[in-house]
Amino acid sequence: MKNTTFNVFCFMVFFIASCAPKHKEPHKDNINYKIKDTVTSYAPNRMVRNVKQGKNGTILIAASFAGIFRYDGKSFTNLTSKIGSRRYWNVLEDRRGNLWIATTDSGVYKYKDKTFQHLTTWEGLASNSVFSILEDRSGNIWFGTGGGASRYDGNSFKNYTTKEGLSNNAIHTILEDKTGKLWFGTSGDACNYDGKSFTVFKNKDGKGFYNVWSIIEDKQGDIWFGASIIEHKRSDTLQLSGGLWRYKDNTFTKVSNRNATAIIEDKEGNIWTNGPVSPNGVGDWLLSRYDQNSLNHKIPTVSTITTMKKMLCGILEAYDGSIWFGSMNGAFRYDGKNITDFRKEQDQDKK
């Protein structure tokens, strides 16, 4: 399935965000300051980029320009209401209870005990455009940025770029596998890092990836990619195809032509993705589930859970088994039977 327009569309979205100012900010901006949280009954009604699991069963929501929200099952708390509008992209709660907040225009915020610390290129971050966050098994925090990968040990940053072997400096996603290797999904090929050197991956035909949007490792140790590849190059035009890929036994297999901008594996071993159904990225977006019992079939069994007209972003299986996902207009929860649209509940209450 040709996917040129879609990938150019998505690339431009990523490119515009990653072109946010990368200048070093004044040192006075790196201060600790306390805020009051804002509690609301409603989820954000702006674009939700990512949904993550917090401690004690809470749900963390990163909503562009609206803020970082924590949901405790009853109410939503805006943790960033006092630090102004930022392009919030991702959030992670580490093993110590610190929240790490990624923005694509203002670097990183560390949140602990209602206190924020602001980390930018001034402190050594590779770029102030930050898209992904990972805590590795040693407790280091990794950031995927528009200017490379940054590892933070709590005191200082160490950066990795194409000079060190990274396949591309624009990083969409980071994964640590069971062996401790780090995988990077970039605006080019996928690659991994074993602590000493980088290995760049192409598919079984030797074709390079053009964008790798999402990476997970399943319970069997297989690596799954949501990616597009370059089919042909004609002058200044790239012909691309997108889909869901699996890396197993040193071989890439294309599992589906459905685009996968986000991927998770649930507790039962099913694979969930979201992405557009049309090649140009305009129109319907699908939340899809691939049945665990069919994953090794040539054509796996896939169910469409819901169809939406606007972009879907991020997927999470919460501790209770419900599936959360983001959209252009807020956060949604699927409990296996019903989808809760918190934005619609908010709109109805306003009537």
C-alpha atoms as a PDB file:
ATOM      1  CA  MET A   1       0.000   0.000   0.000  1.00  0.00           C
ATOM      2  CA  LYS A   2       1.514   3.271  -1.080  1.00  0.00           C
ATOM      3  CA  ASN A   3       1.792   5.679   1.738  1.00  0.00           C
ATOM      4  CA  THR A   4       3.769   8.613   0.457  1.00  0.00           C
ATOM      5  CA  THR A   5       1.350  11.374   1.370  1.00  0.00           C
ATOM      6  CA  PHE A   6       0.644  10.011   4.837  1.00  0.00           C
ATOM      7  CA  ASN A   7       4.278   9.708   5.778  1.00  0.00           C
ATOM      8  CA  VAL A   8       5.114  13.115   4.384  1.00  0.00           C
ATOM      9  CA  PHE A   9       2.184  14.456   6.443  1.00  0.00           C
ATOM     10  CA  CYS A  10       3.354  12.748   9.619  1.00  0.00           C
ATOM     11  CA  PHE A  11       6.960  13.649   8.947  1.00  0.00           C
ATOM     12  CA  MET A  12       6.034  17.298   8.577  1.00  0.00           C
ATOM     13  CA  VAL A  13       4.130  17.175  11.882  1.00  0.00           C
ATOM     14  CA  PHE A  14       7.183  15.701  13.563  1.00  0.00           C
ATOM     15  CA  PHE A  15       9.585  17.986  11.705  1.00  0.00           C
ATOM     16  CA  ILE A  16       7.755  21.164  12.628  1.00  0.00           C
ATOM     17  CA  ALA A  17       7.682  20.120  16.279  1.00  0.00           C
ATOM     18  CA  SER A  18      11.328  19.077  16.255  1.00  0.00           C
ATOM     19  CA  CYS A  19      12.336  22.396  14.781  1.00  0.00           C
ATOM     20  CA  ALA A  20      11.371  24.169  17.986  1.00  0.00           C
ATOM     21  CA  PRO A  21      14.082  26.522  19.273  1.00  0.00           C
ATOM     22  CA  LYS A  22      17.196  24.649  20.403  1.00  0.00           C
ATOM     23  CA  HIS A  23      19.024  27.619  21.884  1.00  0.00           C
ATOM     24  CA  LYS A  24      20.437  27.409  25.358  1.00  0.00           C
ATOM     25  CA  GLU A  25      18.141  29.114  27.786  1.00  0.00           C
ATOM     26  CA  PRO A  26      19.333  31.476  30.513  1.00  0.00           C
ATOM     27  CA  HIS A  27      20.655  29.655  33.548  1.00  0.00           C
ATOM     28  CA  LYS A  28      18.144  31.473  35.743  1.00  0.00           C
ATOM     29  CA  ASP A  29      15.430  29.401  34.027  1.00  0.00           C
ATOM     30  CA  ASN A  30      16.749  26.286  35.760  1.00  0.00           C
ATOM     31  CA  ILE A  31      15.199  26.882  39.159  1.00  0.00           C
ATOM     32  CA  ASN A  32      13.000  24.995  41.569  1.00  0.00           C
ATOM     33  CA  TYR A  33       9.579  26.445  42.190  1.00  0.00           C
ATOM     34  CA  LYS A  34       6.371  25.215  43.811  1.00  0.00           C
ATOM     35  CA  ILE A  35       2.904  25.320  42.349  1.00  0.00           C
ATOM     36  CA  LYS A  36      -0.618  24.428  43.318  1.00  0.00           C
ATOM     37  CA  ASP A  37      -2.284  21.645  41.362  1.00  0.00           C
ATOM     38  CA  THR A  38      -5.610  22.321  39.661  1.00  0.00           C
ATOM     39  CA  VAL A  39      -8.252  19.620  40.191  1.00  0.00           C
ATOM     40  CA  THR A  40     -11.051  19.141  37.653  1.00  0.00           C
ATOM     41  CA  SER A  41     -13.734  16.569  36.948  1.00  0.00           C
ATOM     42  CA  TYR A  42     -12.789  16.513  33.286  1.00  0.00           C
ATOM     43  CA  ALA A  43     -10.003  15.258  31.077  1.00  0.00           C
ATOM     44  CA  PRO A  44      -8.233  17.720  28.763  1.00  0.00           C
ATOM     45  CA  ASN A  45     -10.176  18.420  25.569  1.00  0.00           C
ATOM     46  CA  ARG A  46      -7.072  19.191  23.541  1.00  0.00           C
ATOM     47  CA  MET A  47      -4.740  16.858  21.713  1.00  0.00           C
ATOM     48  CA  VAL A  48      -3.544  14.037  23.972  1.00  0.00           C
ATOM     49  CA  ARG A  49      -0.146  12.858  22.766  1.00  0.00           C
ATOM     50  CA  ASN A  50       0.534  10.083  25.270  1.00  0.00           C
ATOM     51  CA  VAL A  51      -1.150   8.189  28.104  1.00  0.00           C
ATOM     52  CA  LYS A  52       1.036   6.438  30.690  1.00  0.00           C
ATOM     53  CA  GLN A  53       0.568   4.394  33.849  1.00  0.00           C
ATOM     54  CA  GLY A  54       1.412   6.118  37.107  1.00  0.00           C
ATOM     55  CA  LYS A  55       1.931   4.602  40.530  1.00  0.00           C
ATOM     56  CA  ASN A  56      -0.976   3.422  42.687  1.00  0.00           C
ATOM     57  CA  GLY A  57      -3.134   2.882  39.614  1.00  0.00           C
ATOM     58  CA  THR A  58      -3.174   6.505  38.492  1.00  0.00           C
ATOM     59  CA  ILE A  59      -3.240   7.482  34.816  1.00  0.00           C
ATOM     60  CA  LEU A  60      -0.915  10.175  33.441  1.00  0.00           C
ATOM     61  CA  ILE A  61      -1.976  12.166  30.389  1.00  0.00           C
ATOM     62  CA  ALA A  62       0.246  14.433  28.275  1.00  0.00           C
ATOM     63  CA  ALA A  63      -1.949  16.937  26.423  1.00  0.00           C
ATOM     64  CA  SER A  64      -0.419  19.470  24.041  1.00  0.00           C
ATOM     65  CA  PHE A  65      -0.632  22.995  25.485  1.00  0.00           C
ATOM     66  CA  ALA A  66      -3.263  21.856  28.033  1.00  0.00           C
ATOM     67  CA  GLY A  67      -0.843  20.261  30.514  1.00  0.00           C
ATOM     68  CA  ILE A  68       0.067  17.043  32.282  1.00  0.00           C
ATOM     69  CA  PHE A  69      -2.918  15.464  34.035  1.00  0.00           C
ATOM     70  CA  ARG A  70      -3.150  12.751  36.681  1.00  0.00           C
ATOM     71  CA  TYR A  71      -6.369  10.714  36.912  1.00  0.00           C
ATOM     72  CA  ASP A  72      -7.086   8.898  40.186  1.00  0.00           C
ATOM     73  CA  GLY A  73     -10.312   7.233  39.094  1.00  0.00           C
ATOM     74  CA  LYS A  74     -12.494  10.147  40.151  1.00  0.00           C
ATOM     75  CA  SER A  75     -10.925  13.417  39.073  1.00  0.00           C
ATOM     76  CA  PHE A  76      -8.215  14.848  36.833  1.00  0.00           C
ATOM     77  CA  THR A  77      -5.468  16.976  38.358  1.00  0.00           C
ATOM     78  CA  ASN A  78      -3.551  19.360  36.111  1.00  0.00           C
ATOM     79  CA  LEU A  79      -0.028  19.183  37.495  1.00  0.00           C
ATOM     80  CA  THR A  80       1.328  21.912  35.226  1.00  0.00           C
ATOM     81  CA  SER A  81      -1.359  24.582  35.417  1.00  0.00           C
ATOM     82  CA  LYS A  82       0.988  27.223  36.808  1.00  0.00           C
ATOM     83  CA  ILE A  83       3.986  26.862  34.492  1.00  0.00           C
ATOM     84  CA  GLY A  84       2.260  28.200  31.405  1.00  0.00           C
ATOM     85  CA  SER A  85       1.400  26.778  28.013  1.00  0.00           C
ATOM     86  CA  ARG A  86       3.915  24.288  26.641  1.00  0.00           C
ATOM     87  CA  ARG A  87       3.778  21.728  23.859  1.00  0.00           C
ATOM     88  CA  TYR A  88       3.590  18.753  26.222  1.00  0.00           C
ATOM     89  CA  TRP A  89       4.401  15.499  24.457  1.00  0.00           C
ATOM     90  CA  ASN A  90       5.220  12.743  26.943  1.00  0.00           C
ATOM     91  CA  VAL A  91       5.378  11.863  30.634  1.00  0.00           C
ATOM     92  CA  LEU A  92       6.975   9.138  32.763  1.00  0.00           C
ATOM     93  CA  GLU A  93       6.887   8.320  36.471  1.00  0.00           C
ATOM     94  CA  ASP A  94      10.168   6.712  37.536  1.00  0.00           C
ATOM     95  CA  ARG A  95      10.810   4.157  40.290  1.00  0.00           C
ATOM     96  CA  ARG A  96      11.465   6.949  42.808  1.00  0.00           C
ATOM     97  CA  GLY A  97       8.151   8.647  42.123  1.00  0.00           C
ATOM     98  CA  ASN A  98       9.608  11.505  40.083  1.00  0.00           C
ATOM     99  CA  LEU A  99       7.591  12.656  37.087  1.00  0.00           C
ATOM    100  CA  TRP A 100       9.535  13.468  33.927  1.00  0.00           C
ATOM    101  CA  ILE A 101       7.726  15.698  31.472  1.00  0.00           C
ATOM    102  CA  ALA A 102       8.801  16.068  27.840  1.00  0.00           C
ATOM    103  CA  THR A 103       7.938  19.126  25.780  1.00  0.00           C
ATOM    104  CA  THR A 104       8.782  19.835  22.167  1.00  0.00           C
ATOM    105  CA  ASP A 105       9.503  23.501  22.768  1.00  0.00           C
ATOM    106  CA  SER A 106      10.867  23.857  26.313  1.00  0.00           C
ATOM    107  CA  GLY A 107      13.002  20.840  27.176  1.00  0.00           C
ATOM    108  CA  VAL A 108      12.231  18.655  30.202  1.00  0.00           C
ATOM    109  CA  TYR A 109      10.565  19.236  33.560  1.00  0.00           C
ATOM    110  CA  LYS A 110      11.178  17.063  36.609  1.00  0.00           C
ATOM    111  CA  TYR A 111       8.261  17.081  39.054  1.00  0.00           C
ATOM    112  CA  LYS A 112       8.546  15.891  42.660  1.00  0.00           C
ATOM    113  CA  ASP A 113       6.542  16.877  45.755  1.00  0.00           C
ATOM    114  CA  LYS A 114       4.804  19.666  43.797  1.00  0.00           C
ATOM    115  CA  THR A 115       8.181  21.139  42.893  1.00  0.00           C
ATOM    116  CA  PHE A 116       9.471  21.546  39.337  1.00  0.00           C
ATOM    117  CA  GLN A 117      13.022  21.550  38.055  1.00  0.00           C
ATOM    118  CA  HIS A 118      13.550  22.704  34.475  1.00  0.00           C
ATOM    119  CA  LEU A 119      16.255  20.989  32.378  1.00  0.00           C
ATOM    120  CA  THR A 120      17.216  22.313  28.946  1.00  0.00           C
ATOM    121  CA  THR A 121      20.145  22.470  26.563  1.00  0.00           C
ATOM    122  CA  TRP A 122      21.770  24.777  29.096  1.00  0.00           C
ATOM    123  CA  GLU A 123      22.204  21.792  31.423  1.00  0.00           C
ATOM    124  CA  GLY A 124      23.342  19.562  28.548  1.00  0.00           C
ATOM    125  CA  LEU A 125      20.134  18.164  27.028  1.00  0.00           C
ATOM    126  CA  ALA A 126      20.701  17.360  23.338  1.00  0.00           C
ATOM    127  CA  SER A 127      17.711  19.442  22.196  1.00  0.00           C
ATOM    128  CA  ASN A 128      14.774  21.248  23.760  1.00  0.00           C
ATOM    129  CA  SER A 129      12.466  19.270  21.443  1.00  0.00           C
ATOM    130  CA  VAL A 130      11.821  16.070  23.436  1.00  0.00           C
ATOM    131  CA  PHE A 131       9.505  13.270  22.292  1.00  0.00           C
ATOM    132  CA  SER A 132      10.203  10.124  24.306  1.00  0.00           C
ATOM    133  CA  ILE A 133      11.297   9.177  27.831  1.00  0.00           C
ATOM    134  CA  LEU A 134      12.651   5.900  29.224  1.00  0.00           C
ATOM    135  CA  GLU A 135      14.001   4.812  32.599  1.00  0.00           C
ATOM    136  CA  ASP A 136      16.576   2.049  32.101  1.00  0.00           C
ATOM    137  CA  ARG A 137      17.315  -0.819  34.478  1.00  0.00           C
ATOM    138  CA  SER A 138      20.081   1.200  36.124  1.00  0.00           C
ATOM    139  CA  GLY A 139      17.760   4.110  36.884  1.00  0.00           C
ATOM    140  CA  ASN A 140      19.137   6.431  34.211  1.00  0.00           C
ATOM    141  CA  ILE A 141      16.568   8.534  32.367  1.00  0.00           C
ATOM    142  CA  TRP A 142      16.827   8.596  28.563  1.00  0.00           C
ATOM    143  CA  PHE A 143      15.276  11.272  26.377  1.00  0.00           C
ATOM    144  CA  GLY A 144      14.639  10.957  22.655  1.00  0.00           C
ATOM    145  CA  THR A 145      14.964  14.430  21.171  1.00  0.00           C
ATOM    146  CA  GLY A 146      15.115  16.183  17.834  1.00  0.00           C
ATOM    147  CA  GLY A 147      18.895  16.382  18.256  1.00  0.00           C
ATOM    148  CA  GLY A 148      19.828  12.892  19.448  1.00  0.00           C
ATOM    149  CA  ALA A 149      19.476  10.738  22.560  1.00  0.00           C
ATOM    150  CA  SER A 150      20.277  12.109  26.022  1.00  0.00           C
ATOM    151  CA  ARG A 151      21.047   9.969  29.072  1.00  0.00           C
ATOM    152  CA  TYR A 152      20.607  11.659  32.452  1.00  0.00           C
ATOM    153  CA  ASP A 153      22.132  10.068  35.563  1.00  0.00           C
ATOM    154  CA  GLY A 154      20.636  12.563  37.995  1.00  0.00           C
ATOM    155  CA  ASN A 155      23.574  14.922  37.768  1.00  0.00           C
ATOM    156  CA  SER A 156      24.587  15.352  34.143  1.00  0.00           C
ATOM    157  CA  PHE A 157      23.706  14.463  30.564  1.00  0.00           C
ATOM    158  CA  LYS A 158      25.561  12.281  28.074  1.00  0.00           C
ATOM    159  CA  ASN A 159      24.401  12.699  24.488  1.00  0.00           C
ATOM    160  CA  TYR A 160      24.432  10.292  21.543  1.00  0.00           C
ATOM    161  CA  THR A 161      24.066  11.402  17.930  1.00  0.00           C
ATOM    162  CA  THR A 162      24.905  10.160  14.458  1.00  0.00           C
ATOM    163  CA  LYS A 163      28.546  10.822  15.345  1.00  0.00           C
ATOM    164  CA  GLU A 164      28.354   7.962  17.847  1.00  0.00           C
ATOM    165  CA  GLY A 165      26.452   5.731  15.404  1.00  0.00           C
ATOM    166  CA  LEU A 166      22.804   6.675  15.940  1.00  0.00           C
ATOM    167  CA  SER A 167      20.890   6.158  12.686  1.00  0.00           C
ATOM    168  CA  ASN A 168      19.176   9.563  12.801  1.00  0.00           C
ATOM    169  CA  ASN A 169      19.131  12.370  15.347  1.00  0.00           C
ATOM    170  CA  ALA A 170      15.335  12.787  15.334  1.00  0.00           C
ATOM    171  CA  ILE A 171      14.082  10.158  17.807  1.00  0.00           C
ATOM    172  CA  HIS A 172      10.418   9.183  18.121  1.00  0.00           C
ATOM    173  CA  THR A 173      10.610   6.340  20.655  1.00  0.00           C
ATOM    174  CA  ILE A 174      12.998   4.380  22.920  1.00  0.00           C
ATOM    175  CA  LEU A 175      12.753   0.798  24.223  1.00  0.00           C
ATOM    176  CA  GLU A 176      14.966  -1.233  26.564  1.00  0.00           C
ATOM    177  CA  ASP A 177      14.697  -4.949  25.746  1.00  0.00           C
ATOM    178  CA  LYS A 178      15.110  -7.939  28.059  1.00  0.00           C
ATOM    179  CA  THR A 179      18.849  -8.123  27.360  1.00  0.00           C
ATOM    180  CA  GLY A 180      19.409  -4.474  28.286  1.00  0.00           C
ATOM    181  CA  LYS A 181      19.865  -3.219  24.728  1.00  0.00           C
ATOM    182  CA  LEU A 182      18.257   0.099  23.882  1.00  0.00           C
ATOM    183  CA  TRP A 183      16.228   0.398  20.680  1.00  0.00           C
ATOM    184  CA  PHE A 184      15.648   3.755  19.010  1.00  0.00           C
ATOM    185  CA  GLY A 185      12.889   4.551  16.522  1.00  0.00           C
ATOM    186  CA  THR A 186      13.967   7.525  14.457  1.00  0.00           C
ATOM    187  CA  SER A 187      13.047   9.555  11.403  1.00  0.00           C
ATOM    188  CA  GLY A 188      15.351   7.154   9.571  1.00  0.00           C
ATOM    189  CA  ASP A 189      16.211   3.548  10.341  1.00  0.00           C
ATOM    190  CA  ALA A 190      15.740   1.655  13.581  1.00  0.00           C
ATOM    191  CA  CYS A 191      18.862   0.970  15.610  1.00  0.00           C
ATOM    192  CA  ASN A 192      19.911  -0.472  18.946  1.00  0.00           C
ATOM    193  CA  TYR A 193      22.695   0.238  21.399  1.00  0.00           C
ATOM    194  CA  ASP A 194      24.427  -2.410  23.511  1.00  0.00           C
ATOM    195  CA  GLY A 195      26.288   0.019  25.743  1.00  0.00           C
ATOM    196  CA  LYS A 196      29.284   0.155  23.427  1.00  0.00           C
ATOM    197  CA  SER A 197      28.115   0.566  19.845  1.00  0.00           C
ATOM    198  CA  PHE A 198      25.043   1.070  17.677  1.00  0.00           C
ATOM    199  CA  THR A 199      23.606  -1.424  15.195  1.00  0.00           C
ATOM    200  CA  VAL A 200      21.405  -0.063  12.401  1.00  0.00           C
ATOM    201  CA  PHE A 201      18.588  -2.270  11.066  1.00  0.00           C
ATOM    202  CA  LYS A 202      17.009  -2.527   7.642  1.00  0.00           C
ATOM    203  CA  ASN A 203      14.237  -4.909   6.611  1.00  0.00           C
ATOM    204  CA  LYS A 204      14.823  -8.305   5.017  1.00  0.00           C
ATOM    205  CA  ASP A 205      14.995  -6.790   1.517  1.00  0.00           C
ATOM    206  CA  GLY A 206      17.648  -4.354   2.617  1.00  0.00           C
ATOM    207  CA  LYS A 207      15.273  -1.420   2.290  1.00  0.00           C
ATOM    208  CA  GLY A 208      15.776   1.326   4.797  1.00  0.00           C
ATOM    209  CA  PHE A 209      13.104   2.546   7.167  1.00  0.00           C
ATOM    210  CA  TYR A 210      12.004   6.098   6.564  1.00  0.00           C
ATOM    211  CA  ASN A 211      10.265   6.605   9.900  1.00  0.00           C
ATOM    212  CA  VAL A 212       9.977   4.321  12.928  1.00  0.00           C
ATOM    213  CA  TRP A 213       7.161   5.675  15.080  1.00  0.00           C
ATOM    214  CA  SER A 214       6.800   3.017  17.763  1.00  0.00           C
ATOM    215  CA  ILE A 215       8.699   0.004  19.153  1.00  0.00           C
ATOM    216  CA  ILE A 216       7.740  -2.616  21.749  1.00  0.00           C
ATOM    217  CA  GLU A 217       9.053  -5.994  22.887  1.00  0.00           C
ATOM    218  CA  ASP A 218       6.471  -8.744  23.430  1.00  0.00           C
ATOM    219  CA  LYS A 219       6.491 -11.516  26.012  1.00  0.00           C
ATOM    220  CA  GLN A 220       8.302 -13.827  23.586  1.00  0.00           C
ATOM    221  CA  GLY A 221      11.126 -11.342  23.074  1.00  0.00           C
ATOM    222  CA  ASP A 222      10.034 -10.347  19.561  1.00  0.00           C
ATOM    223  CA  ILE A 223      10.395  -6.672  18.629  1.00  0.00           C
ATOM    224  CA  TRP A 224       7.451  -4.910  16.977  1.00  0.00           C
ATOM    225  CA  PHE A 225       7.739  -1.737  14.903  1.00  0.00           C
ATOM    226  CA  GLY A 226       5.273   0.770  13.561  1.00  0.00           C
ATOM    227  CA  ALA A 227       7.185   2.078  10.583  1.00  0.00           C
ATOM    228  CA  SER A 228       7.327   3.042   6.942  1.00  0.00           C
ATOM    229  CA  ILE A 229       9.917   1.964   4.393  1.00  0.00           C
ATOM    230  CA  ILE A 230      11.251   3.444   1.191  1.00  0.00           C
ATOM    231  CA  GLU A 231       9.887   1.437  -1.737  1.00  0.00           C
ATOM    232  CA  HIS A 232      11.298   3.561  -4.544  1.00  0.00           C
ATOM    233  CA  LYS A 233      13.207   6.766  -5.054  1.00  0.00           C
ATOM    234  CA  ARG A 234      12.309   8.806  -8.103  1.00  0.00           C
ATOM    235  CA  SER A 235      14.200  12.030  -8.448  1.00  0.00           C
ATOM    236  CA  ASP A 236      13.119  14.084  -5.430  1.00  0.00           C
ATOM    237  CA  THR A 237      10.080  11.890  -4.704  1.00  0.00           C
ATOM    238  CA  LEU A 238       9.977   8.999  -2.240  1.00  0.00           C
ATOM    239  CA  GLN A 239       7.422   6.225  -2.623  1.00  0.00           C
ATOM    240  CA  LEU A 240       6.745   4.799   0.814  1.00  0.00           C
ATOM    241  CA  SER A 241       4.707   2.012   2.376  1.00  0.00           C
ATOM    242  CA  GLY A 242       3.764   1.802   6.034  1.00  0.00           C
ATOM    243  CA  GLY A 243       2.561  -0.847   8.421  1.00  0.00           C
ATOM    244  CA  LEU A 244       3.236  -3.091  11.394  1.00  0.00           C
ATOM    245  CA  TRP A 245       6.497  -5.058  11.437  1.00  0.00           C
ATOM    246  CA  ARG A 246       7.911  -7.817  13.645  1.00  0.00           C
ATOM    247  CA  TYR A 247      11.612  -8.560  14.156  1.00  0.00           C
ATOM    248  CA  LYS A 248      12.093 -12.218  15.066  1.00  0.00           C
ATOM    249  CA  ASP A 249      15.081 -14.549  14.626  1.00  0.00           C
ATOM    250  CA  ASN A 250      17.042 -11.719  12.996  1.00  0.00           C
ATOM    251  CA  THR A 251      14.359 -11.274  10.320  1.00  0.00           C
ATOM    252  CA  PHE A 252      11.793  -8.540   9.685  1.00  0.00           C
ATOM    253  CA  THR A 253       8.274  -9.594   8.694  1.00  0.00           C
ATOM    254  CA  LYS A 254       5.542  -7.206   7.672  1.00  0.00           C
ATOM    255  CA  VAL A 255       2.495  -8.253   9.702  1.00  0.00           C
ATOM    256  CA  SER A 256      -0.036  -5.715   8.458  1.00  0.00           C
ATOM    257  CA  ASN A 257      -0.456  -2.770   6.114  1.00  0.00           C
ATOM    258  CA  ARG A 258      -2.325  -0.903   8.834  1.00  0.00           C
ATOM    259  CA  ASN A 259      -0.213   1.978  10.026  1.00  0.00           C
ATOM    260  CA  ALA A 260       0.913   1.741  13.644  1.00  0.00           C
ATOM    261  CA  THR A 261       1.812   5.079  15.180  1.00  0.00           C
ATOM    262  CA  ALA A 262       1.552   3.450  18.626  1.00  0.00           C
ATOM    263  CA  ILE A 263       1.783  -0.204  19.746  1.00  0.00           C
ATOM    264  CA  ILE A 264       1.232  -2.112  22.987  1.00  0.00           C
ATOM    265  CA  GLU A 265       0.929  -5.755  24.014  1.00  0.00           C
ATOM    266  CA  ASP A 266      -1.829  -6.474  26.531  1.00  0.00           C
ATOM    267  CA  LYS A 267      -1.786  -8.981  29.385  1.00  0.00           C
ATOM    268  CA  GLU A 268      -3.247 -11.694  27.159  1.00  0.00           C
ATOM    269  CA  GLY A 269      -0.610 -11.225  24.469  1.00  0.00           C
ATOM    270  CA  ASN A 270      -2.812  -9.367  21.976  1.00  0.00           C
ATOM    271  CA  ILE A 271      -1.154  -6.555  20.019  1.00  0.00           C
ATOM    272  CA  TRP A 272      -2.913  -3.179  19.880  1.00  0.00           C
ATOM    273  CA  THR A 273      -2.137  -0.384  17.421  1.00  0.00           C
ATOM    274  CA  ASN A 274      -3.564   2.869  16.228  1.00  0.00           C
ATOM    275  CA  GLY A 275      -3.078   4.629  12.912  1.00  0.00           C
ATOM    276  CA  PRO A 276      -4.875   5.892   9.791  1.00  0.00           C
ATOM    277  CA  VAL A 277      -6.708   3.565   7.442  1.00  0.00           C
ATOM    278  CA  SER A 278      -6.135   5.743   4.380  1.00  0.00           C
ATOM    279  CA  PRO A 279      -2.737   6.134   2.743  1.00  0.00           C
ATOM    280  CA  ASN A 280      -2.776   9.931   2.981  1.00  0.00           C
ATOM    281  CA  GLY A 281      -3.461  10.141   6.715  1.00  0.00           C
ATOM    282  CA  VAL A 282      -6.679  12.091   6.170  1.00  0.00           C
ATOM    283  CA  GLY A 283      -9.969  10.558   7.246  1.00  0.00           C
ATOM    284  CA  ASP A 284     -10.543   7.613   9.531  1.00  0.00           C
ATOM    285  CA  TRP A 285      -8.072   6.492  12.181  1.00  0.00           C
ATOM    286  CA  LEU A 286      -8.375   3.027  13.697  1.00  0.00           C
ATOM    287  CA  LEU A 287      -7.772   1.475  17.089  1.00  0.00           C
ATOM    288  CA  SER A 288      -6.928  -2.137  16.182  1.00  0.00           C
ATOM    289  CA  ARG A 289      -6.377  -5.364  18.109  1.00  0.00           C
ATOM    290  CA  TYR A 290      -4.442  -8.337  16.694  1.00  0.00           C
ATOM    291  CA  ASP A 291      -5.488 -11.647  18.230  1.00  0.00           C
ATOM    292  CA  GLN A 292      -2.669 -13.357  20.128  1.00  0.00           C
ATOM    293  CA  ASN A 293      -3.560 -16.799  18.764  1.00  0.00           C
ATOM    294  CA  SER A 294      -3.123 -15.619  15.171  1.00  0.00           C
ATOM    295  CA  LEU A 295       0.075 -13.579  15.421  1.00  0.00           C
ATOM    296  CA  ASN A 296       2.146 -16.292  13.735  1.00  0.00           C
ATOM    297  CA  HIS A 297      -0.335 -16.669  10.875  1.00  0.00           C
ATOM    298  CA  LYS A 298       0.498 -15.169   7.498  1.00  0.00           C
ATOM    299  CA  ILE A 299      -2.526 -12.910   7.916  1.00  0.00           C
ATOM    300  CA  PRO A 300      -3.316 -12.365  11.626  1.00  0.00           C
ATOM    301  CA  THR A 301      -6.862 -11.811  12.823  1.00  0.00           C
ATOM    302  CA  VAL A 302      -7.369  -8.104  13.446  1.00  0.00           C
ATOM    303  CA  SER A 303     -10.395  -6.397  14.999  1.00  0.00           C
ATOM    304  CA  THR A 304     -11.257  -2.728  14.617  1.00  0.00           C
ATOM    305  CA  ILE A 305     -12.233  -1.520  18.095  1.00  0.00           C
ATOM    306  CA  THR A 306     -13.171   1.998  17.050  1.00  0.00           C
ATOM    307  CA  THR A 307     -12.918   4.378  14.119  1.00  0.00           C
ATOM    308  CA  MET A 308     -12.397   8.112  14.511  1.00  0.00           C
ATOM    309  CA  LYS A 309     -12.138  10.939  12.029  1.00  0.00           C
ATOM    310  CA  LYS A 310      -9.146  12.573  13.663  1.00  0.00           C
ATOM    311  CA  MET A 311      -5.677  11.483  14.691  1.00  0.00           C
ATOM    312  CA  LEU A 312      -5.193   8.930  17.477  1.00  0.00           C
ATOM    313  CA  CYS A 313      -2.091   9.083  19.668  1.00  0.00           C
ATOM    314  CA  GLY A 314      -0.675   6.749  22.292  1.00  0.00           C
ATOM    315  CA  ILE A 315      -2.118   3.560  23.815  1.00  0.00           C
ATOM    316  CA  LEU A 316      -1.983   2.207  27.365  1.00  0.00           C
ATOM    317  CA  GLU A 317      -3.321  -0.906  29.055  1.00  0.00           C
ATOM    318  CA  ALA A 318      -4.021   0.194  32.626  1.00  0.00           C
ATOM    319  CA  TYR A 319      -3.611  -2.052  35.647  1.00  0.00           C
ATOM    320  CA  ASP A 320      -7.331  -2.848  35.564  1.00  0.00           C
ATOM    321  CA  GLY A 321      -7.108  -4.075  31.962  1.00  0.00           C
ATOM    322  CA  SER A 322      -8.831  -1.079  30.387  1.00  0.00           C
ATOM    323  CA  ILE A 323      -7.319   0.440  27.252  1.00  0.00           C
ATOM    324  CA  TRP A 324      -6.637   4.177  27.206  1.00  0.00           C
ATOM    325  CA  PHE A 325      -5.782   6.137  24.077  1.00  0.00           C
ATOM    326  CA  GLY A 326      -5.344   9.746  23.082  1.00  0.00           C
ATOM    327  CA  SER A 327      -6.826  11.737  20.225  1.00  0.00           C
ATOM    328  CA  MET A 328      -6.911  15.206  18.738  1.00  0.00           C
ATOM    329  CA  ASN A 329      -9.717  16.030  21.170  1.00  0.00           C
ATOM    330  CA  GLY A 330      -8.866  14.339  24.442  1.00  0.00           C
ATOM    331  CA  ALA A 331      -8.504  10.974  26.173  1.00  0.00           C
ATOM    332  CA  PHE A 332     -10.656   7.861  25.841  1.00  0.00           C
ATOM    333  CA  ARG A 333     -10.990   4.634  27.828  1.00  0.00           C
ATOM    334  CA  TYR A 334     -12.180   1.251  26.525  1.00  0.00           C
ATOM    335  CA  ASP A 335     -13.273  -1.304  29.135  1.00  0.00           C
ATOM    336  CA  GLY A 336     -13.881  -4.189  26.740  1.00  0.00           C
ATOM    337  CA  LYS A 337     -17.469  -3.174  26.051  1.00  0.00           C
ATOM    338  CA  ASN A 338     -17.811   0.591  26.143  1.00  0.00           C
ATOM    339  CA  ILE A 339     -15.654   3.580  25.252  1.00  0.00           C
ATOM    340  CA  THR A 340     -15.753   6.484  27.692  1.00  0.00           C
ATOM    341  CA  ASP A 341     -15.310   9.868  26.036  1.00  0.00           C
ATOM    342  CA  PHE A 342     -14.417  12.220  28.888  1.00  0.00           C
ATOM    343  CA  ARG A 343     -14.549  15.182  26.545  1.00  0.00           C
ATOM    344  CA  LYS A 344     -18.181  14.459  25.653  1.00  0.00           C
ATOM    345  CA  GLU A 345     -19.056  14.131  29.331  1.00  0.00           C
ATOM    346  CA  GLN A 346     -17.565  17.568  29.846  1.00  0.00           C
ATOM    347  CA  ASP A 347     -19.482  19.045  26.908  1.00  0.00           C
ATOM    348  CA  GLN A 348     -22.751  17.531  28.111  1.00  0.00           C
ATOM    349  CA  ASP A 349     -22.285  18.994  31.581  1.00  0.00           C
ATOM    350  CA  LYS A 350     -21.898  22.441  30.021  1.00  0.00           C
ATOM    351  CA  LYS A 351     -25.285  22.253  28.303  1.00  0.00           C
END
